[in-house]
């Protein structure tokens, strides 16, 4: 009987489901999201360069940005909150983007902060108020 219990214990530990940390976040309203971001802007995804997404900045709400900014390119559907929603990662997408500088010194997106196509972000842009033009590079 002890041997049977031992084998059941081993087998159950091998087939037990593996738990994964999923992204859970409270989504602050758009204006409150500025507290958690280093930069916020409206712009267009113009290029994928290796593991970077290059945006042309049309106007910024936080960060005093120049005419372009690079983000680490990452699909945000992996469950850890980092990255962009996949449908947004198309060259030509005009977006509202919030980002923070990561520990590698690059900007990265987080799916808990606003990142939307401009066509879906009218209320967010209104809530943020007028933006500023990019700095002259």
C-alpha atoms as a PDB file:
ATOM      1  CA  UNK A   1       0.000   0.000   0.000  1.00  0.00           C
ATOM      2  CA  UNK A   2       2.831   2.398   0.863  1.00  0.00           C
ATOM      3  CA  UNK A   3       4.466   1.710  -2.499  1.00  0.00           C
ATOM      4  CA  UNK A   4       1.184   2.396  -4.341  1.00  0.00           C
ATOM      5  CA  UNK A   5       0.764   5.718  -2.514  1.00  0.00           C
ATOM      6  CA  UNK A   6       4.363   6.642  -3.324  1.00  0.00           C
ATOM      7  CA  UNK A   7       3.815   5.918  -7.048  1.00  0.00           C
ATOM      8  CA  UNK A   8       0.555   7.892  -7.043  1.00  0.00           C
ATOM      9  CA  UNK A   9       2.354  10.831  -5.466  1.00  0.00           C
ATOM     10  CA  UNK A  10       5.087  10.755  -8.120  1.00  0.00           C
ATOM     11  CA  UNK A  11       2.642  10.377 -10.999  1.00  0.00           C
ATOM     12  CA  UNK A  12       0.378  13.151  -9.715  1.00  0.00           C
ATOM     13  CA  UNK A  13       3.336  15.522  -9.359  1.00  0.00           C
ATOM     14  CA  UNK A  14       4.333  14.831 -12.963  1.00  0.00           C
ATOM     15  CA  UNK A  15       0.897  15.450 -14.413  1.00  0.00           C
ATOM     16  CA  UNK A  16      -0.114  18.325 -12.129  1.00  0.00           C
ATOM     17  CA  UNK A  17      -0.869  21.517 -14.031  1.00  0.00           C
ATOM     18  CA  UNK A  18       1.904  24.071 -14.128  1.00  0.00           C
ATOM     19  CA  UNK A  19       0.856  27.484 -12.872  1.00  0.00           C
ATOM     20  CA  UNK A  20       1.909  30.561 -14.791  1.00  0.00           C
ATOM     21  CA  UNK A  21       1.859  34.147 -13.598  1.00  0.00           C
ATOM     22  CA  UNK A  22      -0.636  35.997 -15.728  1.00  0.00           C
ATOM     23  CA  UNK A  23      -0.890  39.699 -16.221  1.00  0.00           C
ATOM     24  CA  UNK A  24      -3.366  41.283 -13.873  1.00  0.00           C
ATOM     25  CA  UNK A  25      -3.615  45.004 -13.672  1.00  0.00           C
ATOM     26  CA  UNK A  26      -5.954  47.711 -12.613  1.00  0.00           C
ATOM     27  CA  UNK A  27      -6.412  49.925 -15.613  1.00  0.00           C
ATOM     28  CA  UNK A  28      -6.216  53.537 -14.459  1.00  0.00           C
ATOM     29  CA  UNK A  29      -8.014  56.126 -16.513  1.00  0.00           C
ATOM     30  CA  UNK A  30      -5.975  57.716 -19.253  1.00  0.00           C
ATOM     31  CA  UNK A  31      -4.937  60.818 -17.321  1.00  0.00           C
ATOM     32  CA  UNK A  32      -3.900  58.763 -14.265  1.00  0.00           C
ATOM     33  CA  UNK A  33      -1.843  56.515 -16.557  1.00  0.00           C
ATOM     34  CA  UNK A  34       0.570  59.424 -17.069  1.00  0.00           C
ATOM     35  CA  UNK A  35       1.823  58.805 -13.507  1.00  0.00           C
ATOM     36  CA  UNK A  36       3.049  55.338 -14.508  1.00  0.00           C
ATOM     37  CA  UNK A  37       4.597  56.276 -17.852  1.00  0.00           C
ATOM     38  CA  UNK A  38       7.803  58.074 -18.762  1.00  0.00           C
ATOM     39  CA  UNK A  39       6.441  59.040 -22.166  1.00  0.00           C
ATOM     40  CA  UNK A  40       3.033  59.337 -23.814  1.00  0.00           C
ATOM     41  CA  UNK A  41       2.459  60.337 -27.420  1.00  0.00           C
ATOM     42  CA  UNK A  42       0.354  60.067 -30.544  1.00  0.00           C
ATOM     43  CA  UNK A  43       2.295  58.781 -33.513  1.00  0.00           C
ATOM     44  CA  UNK A  44       2.710  56.233 -36.282  1.00  0.00           C
ATOM     45  CA  UNK A  45       4.599  52.948 -36.276  1.00  0.00           C
ATOM     46  CA  UNK A  46       6.942  53.462 -39.239  1.00  0.00           C
ATOM     47  CA  UNK A  47       9.420  50.610 -39.018  1.00  0.00           C
ATOM     48  CA  UNK A  48      10.419  47.391 -37.316  1.00  0.00           C
ATOM     49  CA  UNK A  49      14.185  47.445 -36.823  1.00  0.00           C
ATOM     50  CA  UNK A  50      15.348  44.161 -35.343  1.00  0.00           C
ATOM     51  CA  UNK A  51      13.620  43.899 -31.988  1.00  0.00           C
ATOM     52  CA  UNK A  52      12.642  47.596 -32.010  1.00  0.00           C
ATOM     53  CA  UNK A  53       9.489  49.353 -33.153  1.00  0.00           C
ATOM     54  CA  UNK A  54      10.213  52.850 -34.484  1.00  0.00           C
ATOM     55  CA  UNK A  55       7.486  55.471 -34.123  1.00  0.00           C
ATOM     56  CA  UNK A  56       7.193  58.883 -35.753  1.00  0.00           C
ATOM     57  CA  UNK A  57       5.932  61.244 -33.040  1.00  0.00           C
ATOM     58  CA  UNK A  58       3.093  63.524 -34.115  1.00  0.00           C
ATOM     59  CA  UNK A  59       2.556  65.056 -30.668  1.00  0.00           C
ATOM     60  CA  UNK A  60       3.508  64.147 -27.131  1.00  0.00           C
ATOM     61  CA  UNK A  61       1.676  64.423 -23.813  1.00  0.00           C
ATOM     62  CA  UNK A  62       4.625  63.462 -21.600  1.00  0.00           C
ATOM     63  CA  UNK A  63       8.349  63.204 -22.224  1.00  0.00           C
ATOM     64  CA  UNK A  64       9.385  66.172 -24.440  1.00  0.00           C
ATOM     65  CA  UNK A  65      10.027  63.832 -27.372  1.00  0.00           C
ATOM     66  CA  UNK A  66      11.826  64.411 -30.631  1.00  0.00           C
ATOM     67  CA  UNK A  67      10.453  63.361 -34.013  1.00  0.00           C
ATOM     68  CA  UNK A  68      10.919  59.619 -33.415  1.00  0.00           C
ATOM     69  CA  UNK A  69      11.137  57.141 -30.571  1.00  0.00           C
ATOM     70  CA  UNK A  70      12.076  53.449 -30.426  1.00  0.00           C
ATOM     71  CA  UNK A  71      10.375  50.796 -28.320  1.00  0.00           C
ATOM     72  CA  UNK A  72      11.363  47.243 -27.689  1.00  0.00           C
ATOM     73  CA  UNK A  73       9.156  45.284 -30.050  1.00  0.00           C
ATOM     74  CA  UNK A  74       7.231  42.677 -28.113  1.00  0.00           C
ATOM     75  CA  UNK A  75       3.885  40.981 -28.529  1.00  0.00           C
ATOM     76  CA  UNK A  76       1.964  41.675 -25.307  1.00  0.00           C
ATOM     77  CA  UNK A  77      -0.212  38.581 -25.424  1.00  0.00           C
ATOM     78  CA  UNK A  78       2.306  36.393 -23.542  1.00  0.00           C
ATOM     79  CA  UNK A  79       0.619  36.980 -20.188  1.00  0.00           C
ATOM     80  CA  UNK A  80       3.261  39.084 -18.426  1.00  0.00           C
ATOM     81  CA  UNK A  81       1.900  42.571 -19.256  1.00  0.00           C
ATOM     82  CA  UNK A  82       4.950  43.697 -21.279  1.00  0.00           C
ATOM     83  CA  UNK A  83       4.578  44.639 -24.913  1.00  0.00           C
ATOM     84  CA  UNK A  84       1.992  45.730 -27.443  1.00  0.00           C
ATOM     85  CA  UNK A  85      -1.256  44.036 -28.371  1.00  0.00           C
ATOM     86  CA  UNK A  86      -0.474  42.126 -31.594  1.00  0.00           C
ATOM     87  CA  UNK A  87      -3.031  43.946 -33.760  1.00  0.00           C
ATOM     88  CA  UNK A  88      -1.214  47.236 -33.069  1.00  0.00           C
ATOM     89  CA  UNK A  89       2.207  46.105 -34.300  1.00  0.00           C
ATOM     90  CA  UNK A  90       1.527  46.798 -37.975  1.00  0.00           C
ATOM     91  CA  UNK A  91       3.670  49.345 -39.787  1.00  0.00           C
ATOM     92  CA  UNK A  92       1.386  52.271 -40.564  1.00  0.00           C
ATOM     93  CA  UNK A  93      -0.647  51.970 -37.340  1.00  0.00           C
ATOM     94  CA  UNK A  94      -1.433  55.430 -35.948  1.00  0.00           C
ATOM     95  CA  UNK A  95      -1.533  55.042 -32.209  1.00  0.00           C
ATOM     96  CA  UNK A  96      -1.753  56.554 -28.760  1.00  0.00           C
ATOM     97  CA  UNK A  97       1.183  55.008 -26.873  1.00  0.00           C
ATOM     98  CA  UNK A  98       2.353  55.141 -23.261  1.00  0.00           C
ATOM     99  CA  UNK A  99       5.776  53.768 -22.378  1.00  0.00           C
ATOM    100  CA  UNK A 100       8.340  53.473 -19.635  1.00  0.00           C
ATOM    101  CA  UNK A 101      12.086  53.116 -19.778  1.00  0.00           C
ATOM    102  CA  UNK A 102      13.028  49.564 -18.840  1.00  0.00           C
ATOM    103  CA  UNK A 103      16.102  48.297 -16.986  1.00  0.00           C
ATOM    104  CA  UNK A 104      17.941  47.855 -20.323  1.00  0.00           C
ATOM    105  CA  UNK A 105      17.556  51.579 -21.089  1.00  0.00           C
ATOM    106  CA  UNK A 106      14.913  51.202 -23.808  1.00  0.00           C
ATOM    107  CA  UNK A 107      11.284  52.232 -23.866  1.00  0.00           C
ATOM    108  CA  UNK A 108       8.789  49.440 -23.545  1.00  0.00           C
ATOM    109  CA  UNK A 109       5.033  49.238 -23.630  1.00  0.00           C
ATOM    110  CA  UNK A 110       2.763  47.675 -21.068  1.00  0.00           C
ATOM    111  CA  UNK A 111      -0.695  46.398 -21.936  1.00  0.00           C
ATOM    112  CA  UNK A 112      -2.011  47.836 -18.644  1.00  0.00           C
ATOM    113  CA  UNK A 113      -1.371  51.363 -19.912  1.00  0.00           C
ATOM    114  CA  UNK A 114      -3.187  52.949 -22.837  1.00  0.00           C
ATOM    115  CA  UNK A 115      -2.110  51.791 -26.262  1.00  0.00           C
ATOM    116  CA  UNK A 116      -4.774  52.198 -28.881  1.00  0.00           C
ATOM    117  CA  UNK A 117      -5.277  52.985 -32.490  1.00  0.00           C
ATOM    118  CA  UNK A 118      -5.950  56.711 -32.809  1.00  0.00           C
ATOM    119  CA  UNK A 119      -9.295  55.847 -34.398  1.00  0.00           C
ATOM    120  CA  UNK A 120     -10.282  54.223 -31.054  1.00  0.00           C
ATOM    121  CA  UNK A 121      -8.666  56.828 -28.787  1.00  0.00           C
ATOM    122  CA  UNK A 122     -10.750  59.962 -29.354  1.00  0.00           C
ATOM    123  CA  UNK A 123     -12.030  60.069 -25.747  1.00  0.00           C
ATOM    124  CA  UNK A 124      -8.532  59.358 -24.372  1.00  0.00           C
ATOM    125  CA  UNK A 125      -6.945  62.154 -26.404  1.00  0.00           C
ATOM    126  CA  UNK A 126      -9.674  64.545 -25.299  1.00  0.00           C
ATOM    127  CA  UNK A 127      -9.111  63.569 -21.646  1.00  0.00           C
ATOM    128  CA  UNK A 128      -5.354  64.219 -21.998  1.00  0.00           C
ATOM    129  CA  UNK A 129      -5.854  67.636 -23.563  1.00  0.00           C
ATOM    130  CA  UNK A 130      -3.739  69.312 -26.208  1.00  0.00           C
ATOM    131  CA  UNK A 131      -0.403  67.740 -27.047  1.00  0.00           C
ATOM    132  CA  UNK A 132       2.903  69.392 -27.897  1.00  0.00           C
ATOM    133  CA  UNK A 133       4.749  69.081 -31.205  1.00  0.00           C
ATOM    134  CA  UNK A 134       7.950  67.018 -31.219  1.00  0.00           C
ATOM    135  CA  UNK A 135      11.269  68.777 -30.559  1.00  0.00           C
ATOM    136  CA  UNK A 136      13.317  69.691 -33.601  1.00  0.00           C
ATOM    137  CA  UNK A 137      16.079  67.100 -33.889  1.00  0.00           C
END
